């Protein structure tokens, strides 16, 4: 899934002095998970991740009415990766992947969540002796 999803807001919010009536979300990447790990609480983590996916700061995102958050959550559900990937600790995962895949952390942060999760799962198996071979790039 690579297309963006736009969600029309029930009322405009302010972002850097401009009224915004619609937010456009891209697929989540590791950088979004790291942004979520920087805040406390499950609800705050979800808001931080969605704000990052929309390219707005968390203070802008906090202005949303709950009915809009519900609409956004439903619309972006497919962008949030799969449930068998461990949540949290994504900075550690990014460092591990960058080291073992010979790539930079910033490149790992731009990976779609699904790809980062697949690489993490393959690397975990390889490092635990469950599977031999190189992790794909």
C-alpha atoms as a PDB file:
ATOM      1  CA  UNK A   1       0.000   0.000   0.000  1.00  0.00           C
ATOM      2  CA  UNK A   2       1.745   3.156  -1.148  1.00  0.00           C
ATOM      3  CA  UNK A   3      -1.017   5.637  -1.944  1.00  0.00           C
ATOM      4  CA  UNK A   4      -1.859   8.435   0.463  1.00  0.00           C
ATOM      5  CA  UNK A   5      -5.174   8.782   2.248  1.00  0.00           C
ATOM      6  CA  UNK A   6      -6.805  12.194   2.738  1.00  0.00           C
ATOM      7  CA  UNK A   7      -9.367  12.765   5.475  1.00  0.00           C
ATOM      8  CA  UNK A   8     -11.652  15.815   5.426  1.00  0.00           C
ATOM      9  CA  UNK A   9     -11.959  17.289   8.914  1.00  0.00           C
ATOM     10  CA  UNK A  10     -15.311  18.206  10.465  1.00  0.00           C
ATOM     11  CA  UNK A  11     -13.866  21.648  11.200  1.00  0.00           C
ATOM     12  CA  UNK A  12     -10.545  23.269  10.238  1.00  0.00           C
ATOM     13  CA  UNK A  13      -7.570  23.230  12.603  1.00  0.00           C
ATOM     14  CA  UNK A  14      -4.623  25.638  12.685  1.00  0.00           C
ATOM     15  CA  UNK A  15      -1.165  24.548  11.498  1.00  0.00           C
ATOM     16  CA  UNK A  16       1.610  27.178  11.468  1.00  0.00           C
ATOM     17  CA  UNK A  17      -0.930  29.988  11.194  1.00  0.00           C
ATOM     18  CA  UNK A  18      -2.857  28.358   8.340  1.00  0.00           C
ATOM     19  CA  UNK A  19      -6.282  26.743   8.476  1.00  0.00           C
ATOM     20  CA  UNK A  20      -6.208  23.083   7.504  1.00  0.00           C
ATOM     21  CA  UNK A  21      -9.481  21.428   6.499  1.00  0.00           C
ATOM     22  CA  UNK A  22      -8.018  18.085   5.402  1.00  0.00           C
ATOM     23  CA  UNK A  23      -5.082  15.932   6.491  1.00  0.00           C
ATOM     24  CA  UNK A  24      -3.242  13.602   4.126  1.00  0.00           C
ATOM     25  CA  UNK A  25      -1.602  10.492   5.564  1.00  0.00           C
ATOM     26  CA  UNK A  26       1.122   8.326   4.052  1.00  0.00           C
ATOM     27  CA  UNK A  27       2.007   4.786   5.045  1.00  0.00           C
ATOM     28  CA  UNK A  28       3.730   4.574   8.424  1.00  0.00           C
ATOM     29  CA  UNK A  29       7.495   4.085   8.533  1.00  0.00           C
ATOM     30  CA  UNK A  30       9.989   3.333  11.293  1.00  0.00           C
ATOM     31  CA  UNK A  31      10.547   7.066  11.866  1.00  0.00           C
ATOM     32  CA  UNK A  32       6.858   7.365  12.787  1.00  0.00           C
ATOM     33  CA  UNK A  33       7.247   4.555  15.324  1.00  0.00           C
ATOM     34  CA  UNK A  34      10.274   6.318  16.820  1.00  0.00           C
ATOM     35  CA  UNK A  35       8.216   9.530  17.095  1.00  0.00           C
ATOM     36  CA  UNK A  36       5.547   7.513  18.917  1.00  0.00           C
ATOM     37  CA  UNK A  37       8.125   6.073  21.319  1.00  0.00           C
ATOM     38  CA  UNK A  38       9.088   9.596  22.395  1.00  0.00           C
ATOM     39  CA  UNK A  39       5.769  10.121  24.231  1.00  0.00           C
ATOM     40  CA  UNK A  40       4.155   8.324  27.155  1.00  0.00           C
ATOM     41  CA  UNK A  41       0.814   6.530  27.001  1.00  0.00           C
ATOM     42  CA  UNK A  42      -0.867   4.437  24.331  1.00  0.00           C
ATOM     43  CA  UNK A  43      -3.241   7.177  23.208  1.00  0.00           C
ATOM     44  CA  UNK A  44      -0.409   9.725  22.970  1.00  0.00           C
ATOM     45  CA  UNK A  45       1.706   7.228  20.997  1.00  0.00           C
ATOM     46  CA  UNK A  46      -1.112   6.722  18.493  1.00  0.00           C
ATOM     47  CA  UNK A  47      -1.617  10.491  18.155  1.00  0.00           C
ATOM     48  CA  UNK A  48       2.141  11.101  17.728  1.00  0.00           C
ATOM     49  CA  UNK A  49       2.402   8.416  15.074  1.00  0.00           C
ATOM     50  CA  UNK A  50      -0.621   9.687  13.117  1.00  0.00           C
ATOM     51  CA  UNK A  51       0.624  13.286  13.362  1.00  0.00           C
ATOM     52  CA  UNK A  52       3.988  12.187  11.974  1.00  0.00           C
ATOM     53  CA  UNK A  53       2.283  10.294   9.149  1.00  0.00           C
ATOM     54  CA  UNK A  54       0.367  13.479   8.260  1.00  0.00           C
ATOM     55  CA  UNK A  55       3.438  15.704   8.484  1.00  0.00           C
ATOM     56  CA  UNK A  56       2.061  17.871  11.299  1.00  0.00           C
ATOM     57  CA  UNK A  57       3.297  18.397  14.846  1.00  0.00           C
ATOM     58  CA  UNK A  58       1.557  16.829  17.812  1.00  0.00           C
ATOM     59  CA  UNK A  59       0.221  20.210  19.038  1.00  0.00           C
ATOM     60  CA  UNK A  60      -1.571  20.647  15.711  1.00  0.00           C
ATOM     61  CA  UNK A  61      -2.941  17.115  15.901  1.00  0.00           C
ATOM     62  CA  UNK A  62      -4.248  17.696  19.453  1.00  0.00           C
ATOM     63  CA  UNK A  63      -6.761  20.205  18.048  1.00  0.00           C
ATOM     64  CA  UNK A  64      -8.718  17.457  16.287  1.00  0.00           C
ATOM     65  CA  UNK A  65     -12.219  16.653  17.512  1.00  0.00           C
ATOM     66  CA  UNK A  66     -12.508  13.023  18.602  1.00  0.00           C
ATOM     67  CA  UNK A  67     -14.965  12.277  15.785  1.00  0.00           C
ATOM     68  CA  UNK A  68     -12.184  13.215  13.315  1.00  0.00           C
ATOM     69  CA  UNK A  69      -9.647  11.059  15.148  1.00  0.00           C
ATOM     70  CA  UNK A  70     -12.059   8.129  14.875  1.00  0.00           C
ATOM     71  CA  UNK A  71     -12.457   8.757  11.127  1.00  0.00           C
ATOM     72  CA  UNK A  72      -8.651   9.040  10.695  1.00  0.00           C
ATOM     73  CA  UNK A  73      -7.978   5.860  12.677  1.00  0.00           C
ATOM     74  CA  UNK A  74     -10.398   3.880  10.516  1.00  0.00           C
ATOM     75  CA  UNK A  75      -9.050   5.360   7.275  1.00  0.00           C
ATOM     76  CA  UNK A  76      -5.375   4.743   8.115  1.00  0.00           C
ATOM     77  CA  UNK A  77      -5.715   1.315   9.726  1.00  0.00           C
ATOM     78  CA  UNK A  78      -4.064  -0.408   6.755  1.00  0.00           C
ATOM     79  CA  UNK A  79      -1.084   1.963   6.968  1.00  0.00           C
ATOM     80  CA  UNK A  80      -0.064   0.898  10.460  1.00  0.00           C
ATOM     81  CA  UNK A  81       1.779  -2.351   9.716  1.00  0.00           C
ATOM     82  CA  UNK A  82       1.067  -5.793  11.071  1.00  0.00           C
ATOM     83  CA  UNK A  83       0.376  -6.896  14.645  1.00  0.00           C
ATOM     84  CA  UNK A  84       3.068  -9.572  14.921  1.00  0.00           C
ATOM     85  CA  UNK A  85       5.837  -6.968  15.026  1.00  0.00           C
ATOM     86  CA  UNK A  86       6.887  -5.907  18.521  1.00  0.00           C
ATOM     87  CA  UNK A  87       5.694  -2.394  19.286  1.00  0.00           C
ATOM     88  CA  UNK A  88       7.955   0.152  20.940  1.00  0.00           C
ATOM     89  CA  UNK A  89      11.737   0.078  21.060  1.00  0.00           C
ATOM     90  CA  UNK A  90      11.920   1.037  17.368  1.00  0.00           C
ATOM     91  CA  UNK A  91      15.098   3.023  17.822  1.00  0.00           C
ATOM     92  CA  UNK A  92      16.808  -0.167  18.999  1.00  0.00           C
ATOM     93  CA  UNK A  93      15.326  -2.021  16.032  1.00  0.00           C
ATOM     94  CA  UNK A  94      16.478   0.729  13.625  1.00  0.00           C
ATOM     95  CA  UNK A  95      20.012   0.585  15.019  1.00  0.00           C
ATOM     96  CA  UNK A  96      20.061  -3.223  14.822  1.00  0.00           C
ATOM     97  CA  UNK A  97      18.761  -3.244  11.244  1.00  0.00           C
ATOM     98  CA  UNK A  98      21.115  -0.503  10.099  1.00  0.00           C
ATOM     99  CA  UNK A  99      24.105  -2.327  11.565  1.00  0.00           C
ATOM    100  CA  UNK A 100      23.280  -5.751  10.146  1.00  0.00           C
ATOM    101  CA  UNK A 101      21.946  -4.514   6.790  1.00  0.00           C
ATOM    102  CA  UNK A 102      24.831  -2.089   6.115  1.00  0.00           C
ATOM    103  CA  UNK A 103      22.556   0.926   5.810  1.00  0.00           C
ATOM    104  CA  UNK A 104      22.069   4.167   7.759  1.00  0.00           C
ATOM    105  CA  UNK A 105      19.520   4.649  10.528  1.00  0.00           C
ATOM    106  CA  UNK A 106      17.898   7.437   8.488  1.00  0.00           C
ATOM    107  CA  UNK A 107      17.398   4.974   5.599  1.00  0.00           C
ATOM    108  CA  UNK A 108      15.871   2.433   8.000  1.00  0.00           C
ATOM    109  CA  UNK A 109      13.556   5.137   9.410  1.00  0.00           C
ATOM    110  CA  UNK A 110      12.116   5.651   5.913  1.00  0.00           C
ATOM    111  CA  UNK A 111      11.232   1.973   5.432  1.00  0.00           C
ATOM    112  CA  UNK A 112       7.552   1.101   5.371  1.00  0.00           C
ATOM    113  CA  UNK A 113       6.609  -0.600   8.656  1.00  0.00           C
ATOM    114  CA  UNK A 114       5.814  -3.892   6.908  1.00  0.00           C
ATOM    115  CA  UNK A 115       9.269  -4.111   5.324  1.00  0.00           C
ATOM    116  CA  UNK A 116      11.054  -3.108   8.549  1.00  0.00           C
ATOM    117  CA  UNK A 117       9.000  -5.695  10.441  1.00  0.00           C
ATOM    118  CA  UNK A 118       9.857  -8.415   7.920  1.00  0.00           C
ATOM    119  CA  UNK A 119      13.565  -7.540   8.084  1.00  0.00           C
ATOM    120  CA  UNK A 120      13.441  -7.462  11.888  1.00  0.00           C
ATOM    121  CA  UNK A 121      11.748 -10.866  12.033  1.00  0.00           C
ATOM    122  CA  UNK A 122      14.262 -12.389   9.576  1.00  0.00           C
ATOM    123  CA  UNK A 123      17.208 -10.863  11.414  1.00  0.00           C
ATOM    124  CA  UNK A 124      15.900 -12.085  14.784  1.00  0.00           C
ATOM    125  CA  UNK A 125      15.596 -15.623  13.431  1.00  0.00           C
ATOM    126  CA  UNK A 126      19.068 -15.455  11.909  1.00  0.00           C
ATOM    127  CA  UNK A 127      20.685 -14.108  15.094  1.00  0.00           C
ATOM    128  CA  UNK A 128      18.941 -16.695  17.273  1.00  0.00           C
ATOM    129  CA  UNK A 129      20.165 -19.499  15.003  1.00  0.00           C
ATOM    130  CA  UNK A 130      16.699 -20.244  13.646  1.00  0.00           C
ATOM    131  CA  UNK A 131      17.728 -19.526  10.061  1.00  0.00           C
ATOM    132  CA  UNK A 132      21.008 -19.028   8.281  1.00  0.00           C
ATOM    133  CA  UNK A 133      21.574 -16.530   5.485  1.00  0.00           C
ATOM    134  CA  UNK A 134      21.715 -12.842   4.812  1.00  0.00           C
ATOM    135  CA  UNK A 135      18.967 -10.358   5.506  1.00  0.00           C
ATOM    136  CA  UNK A 136      17.536  -8.877   2.310  1.00  0.00           C
ATOM    137  CA  UNK A 137      18.078  -5.266   1.440  1.00  0.00           C
END
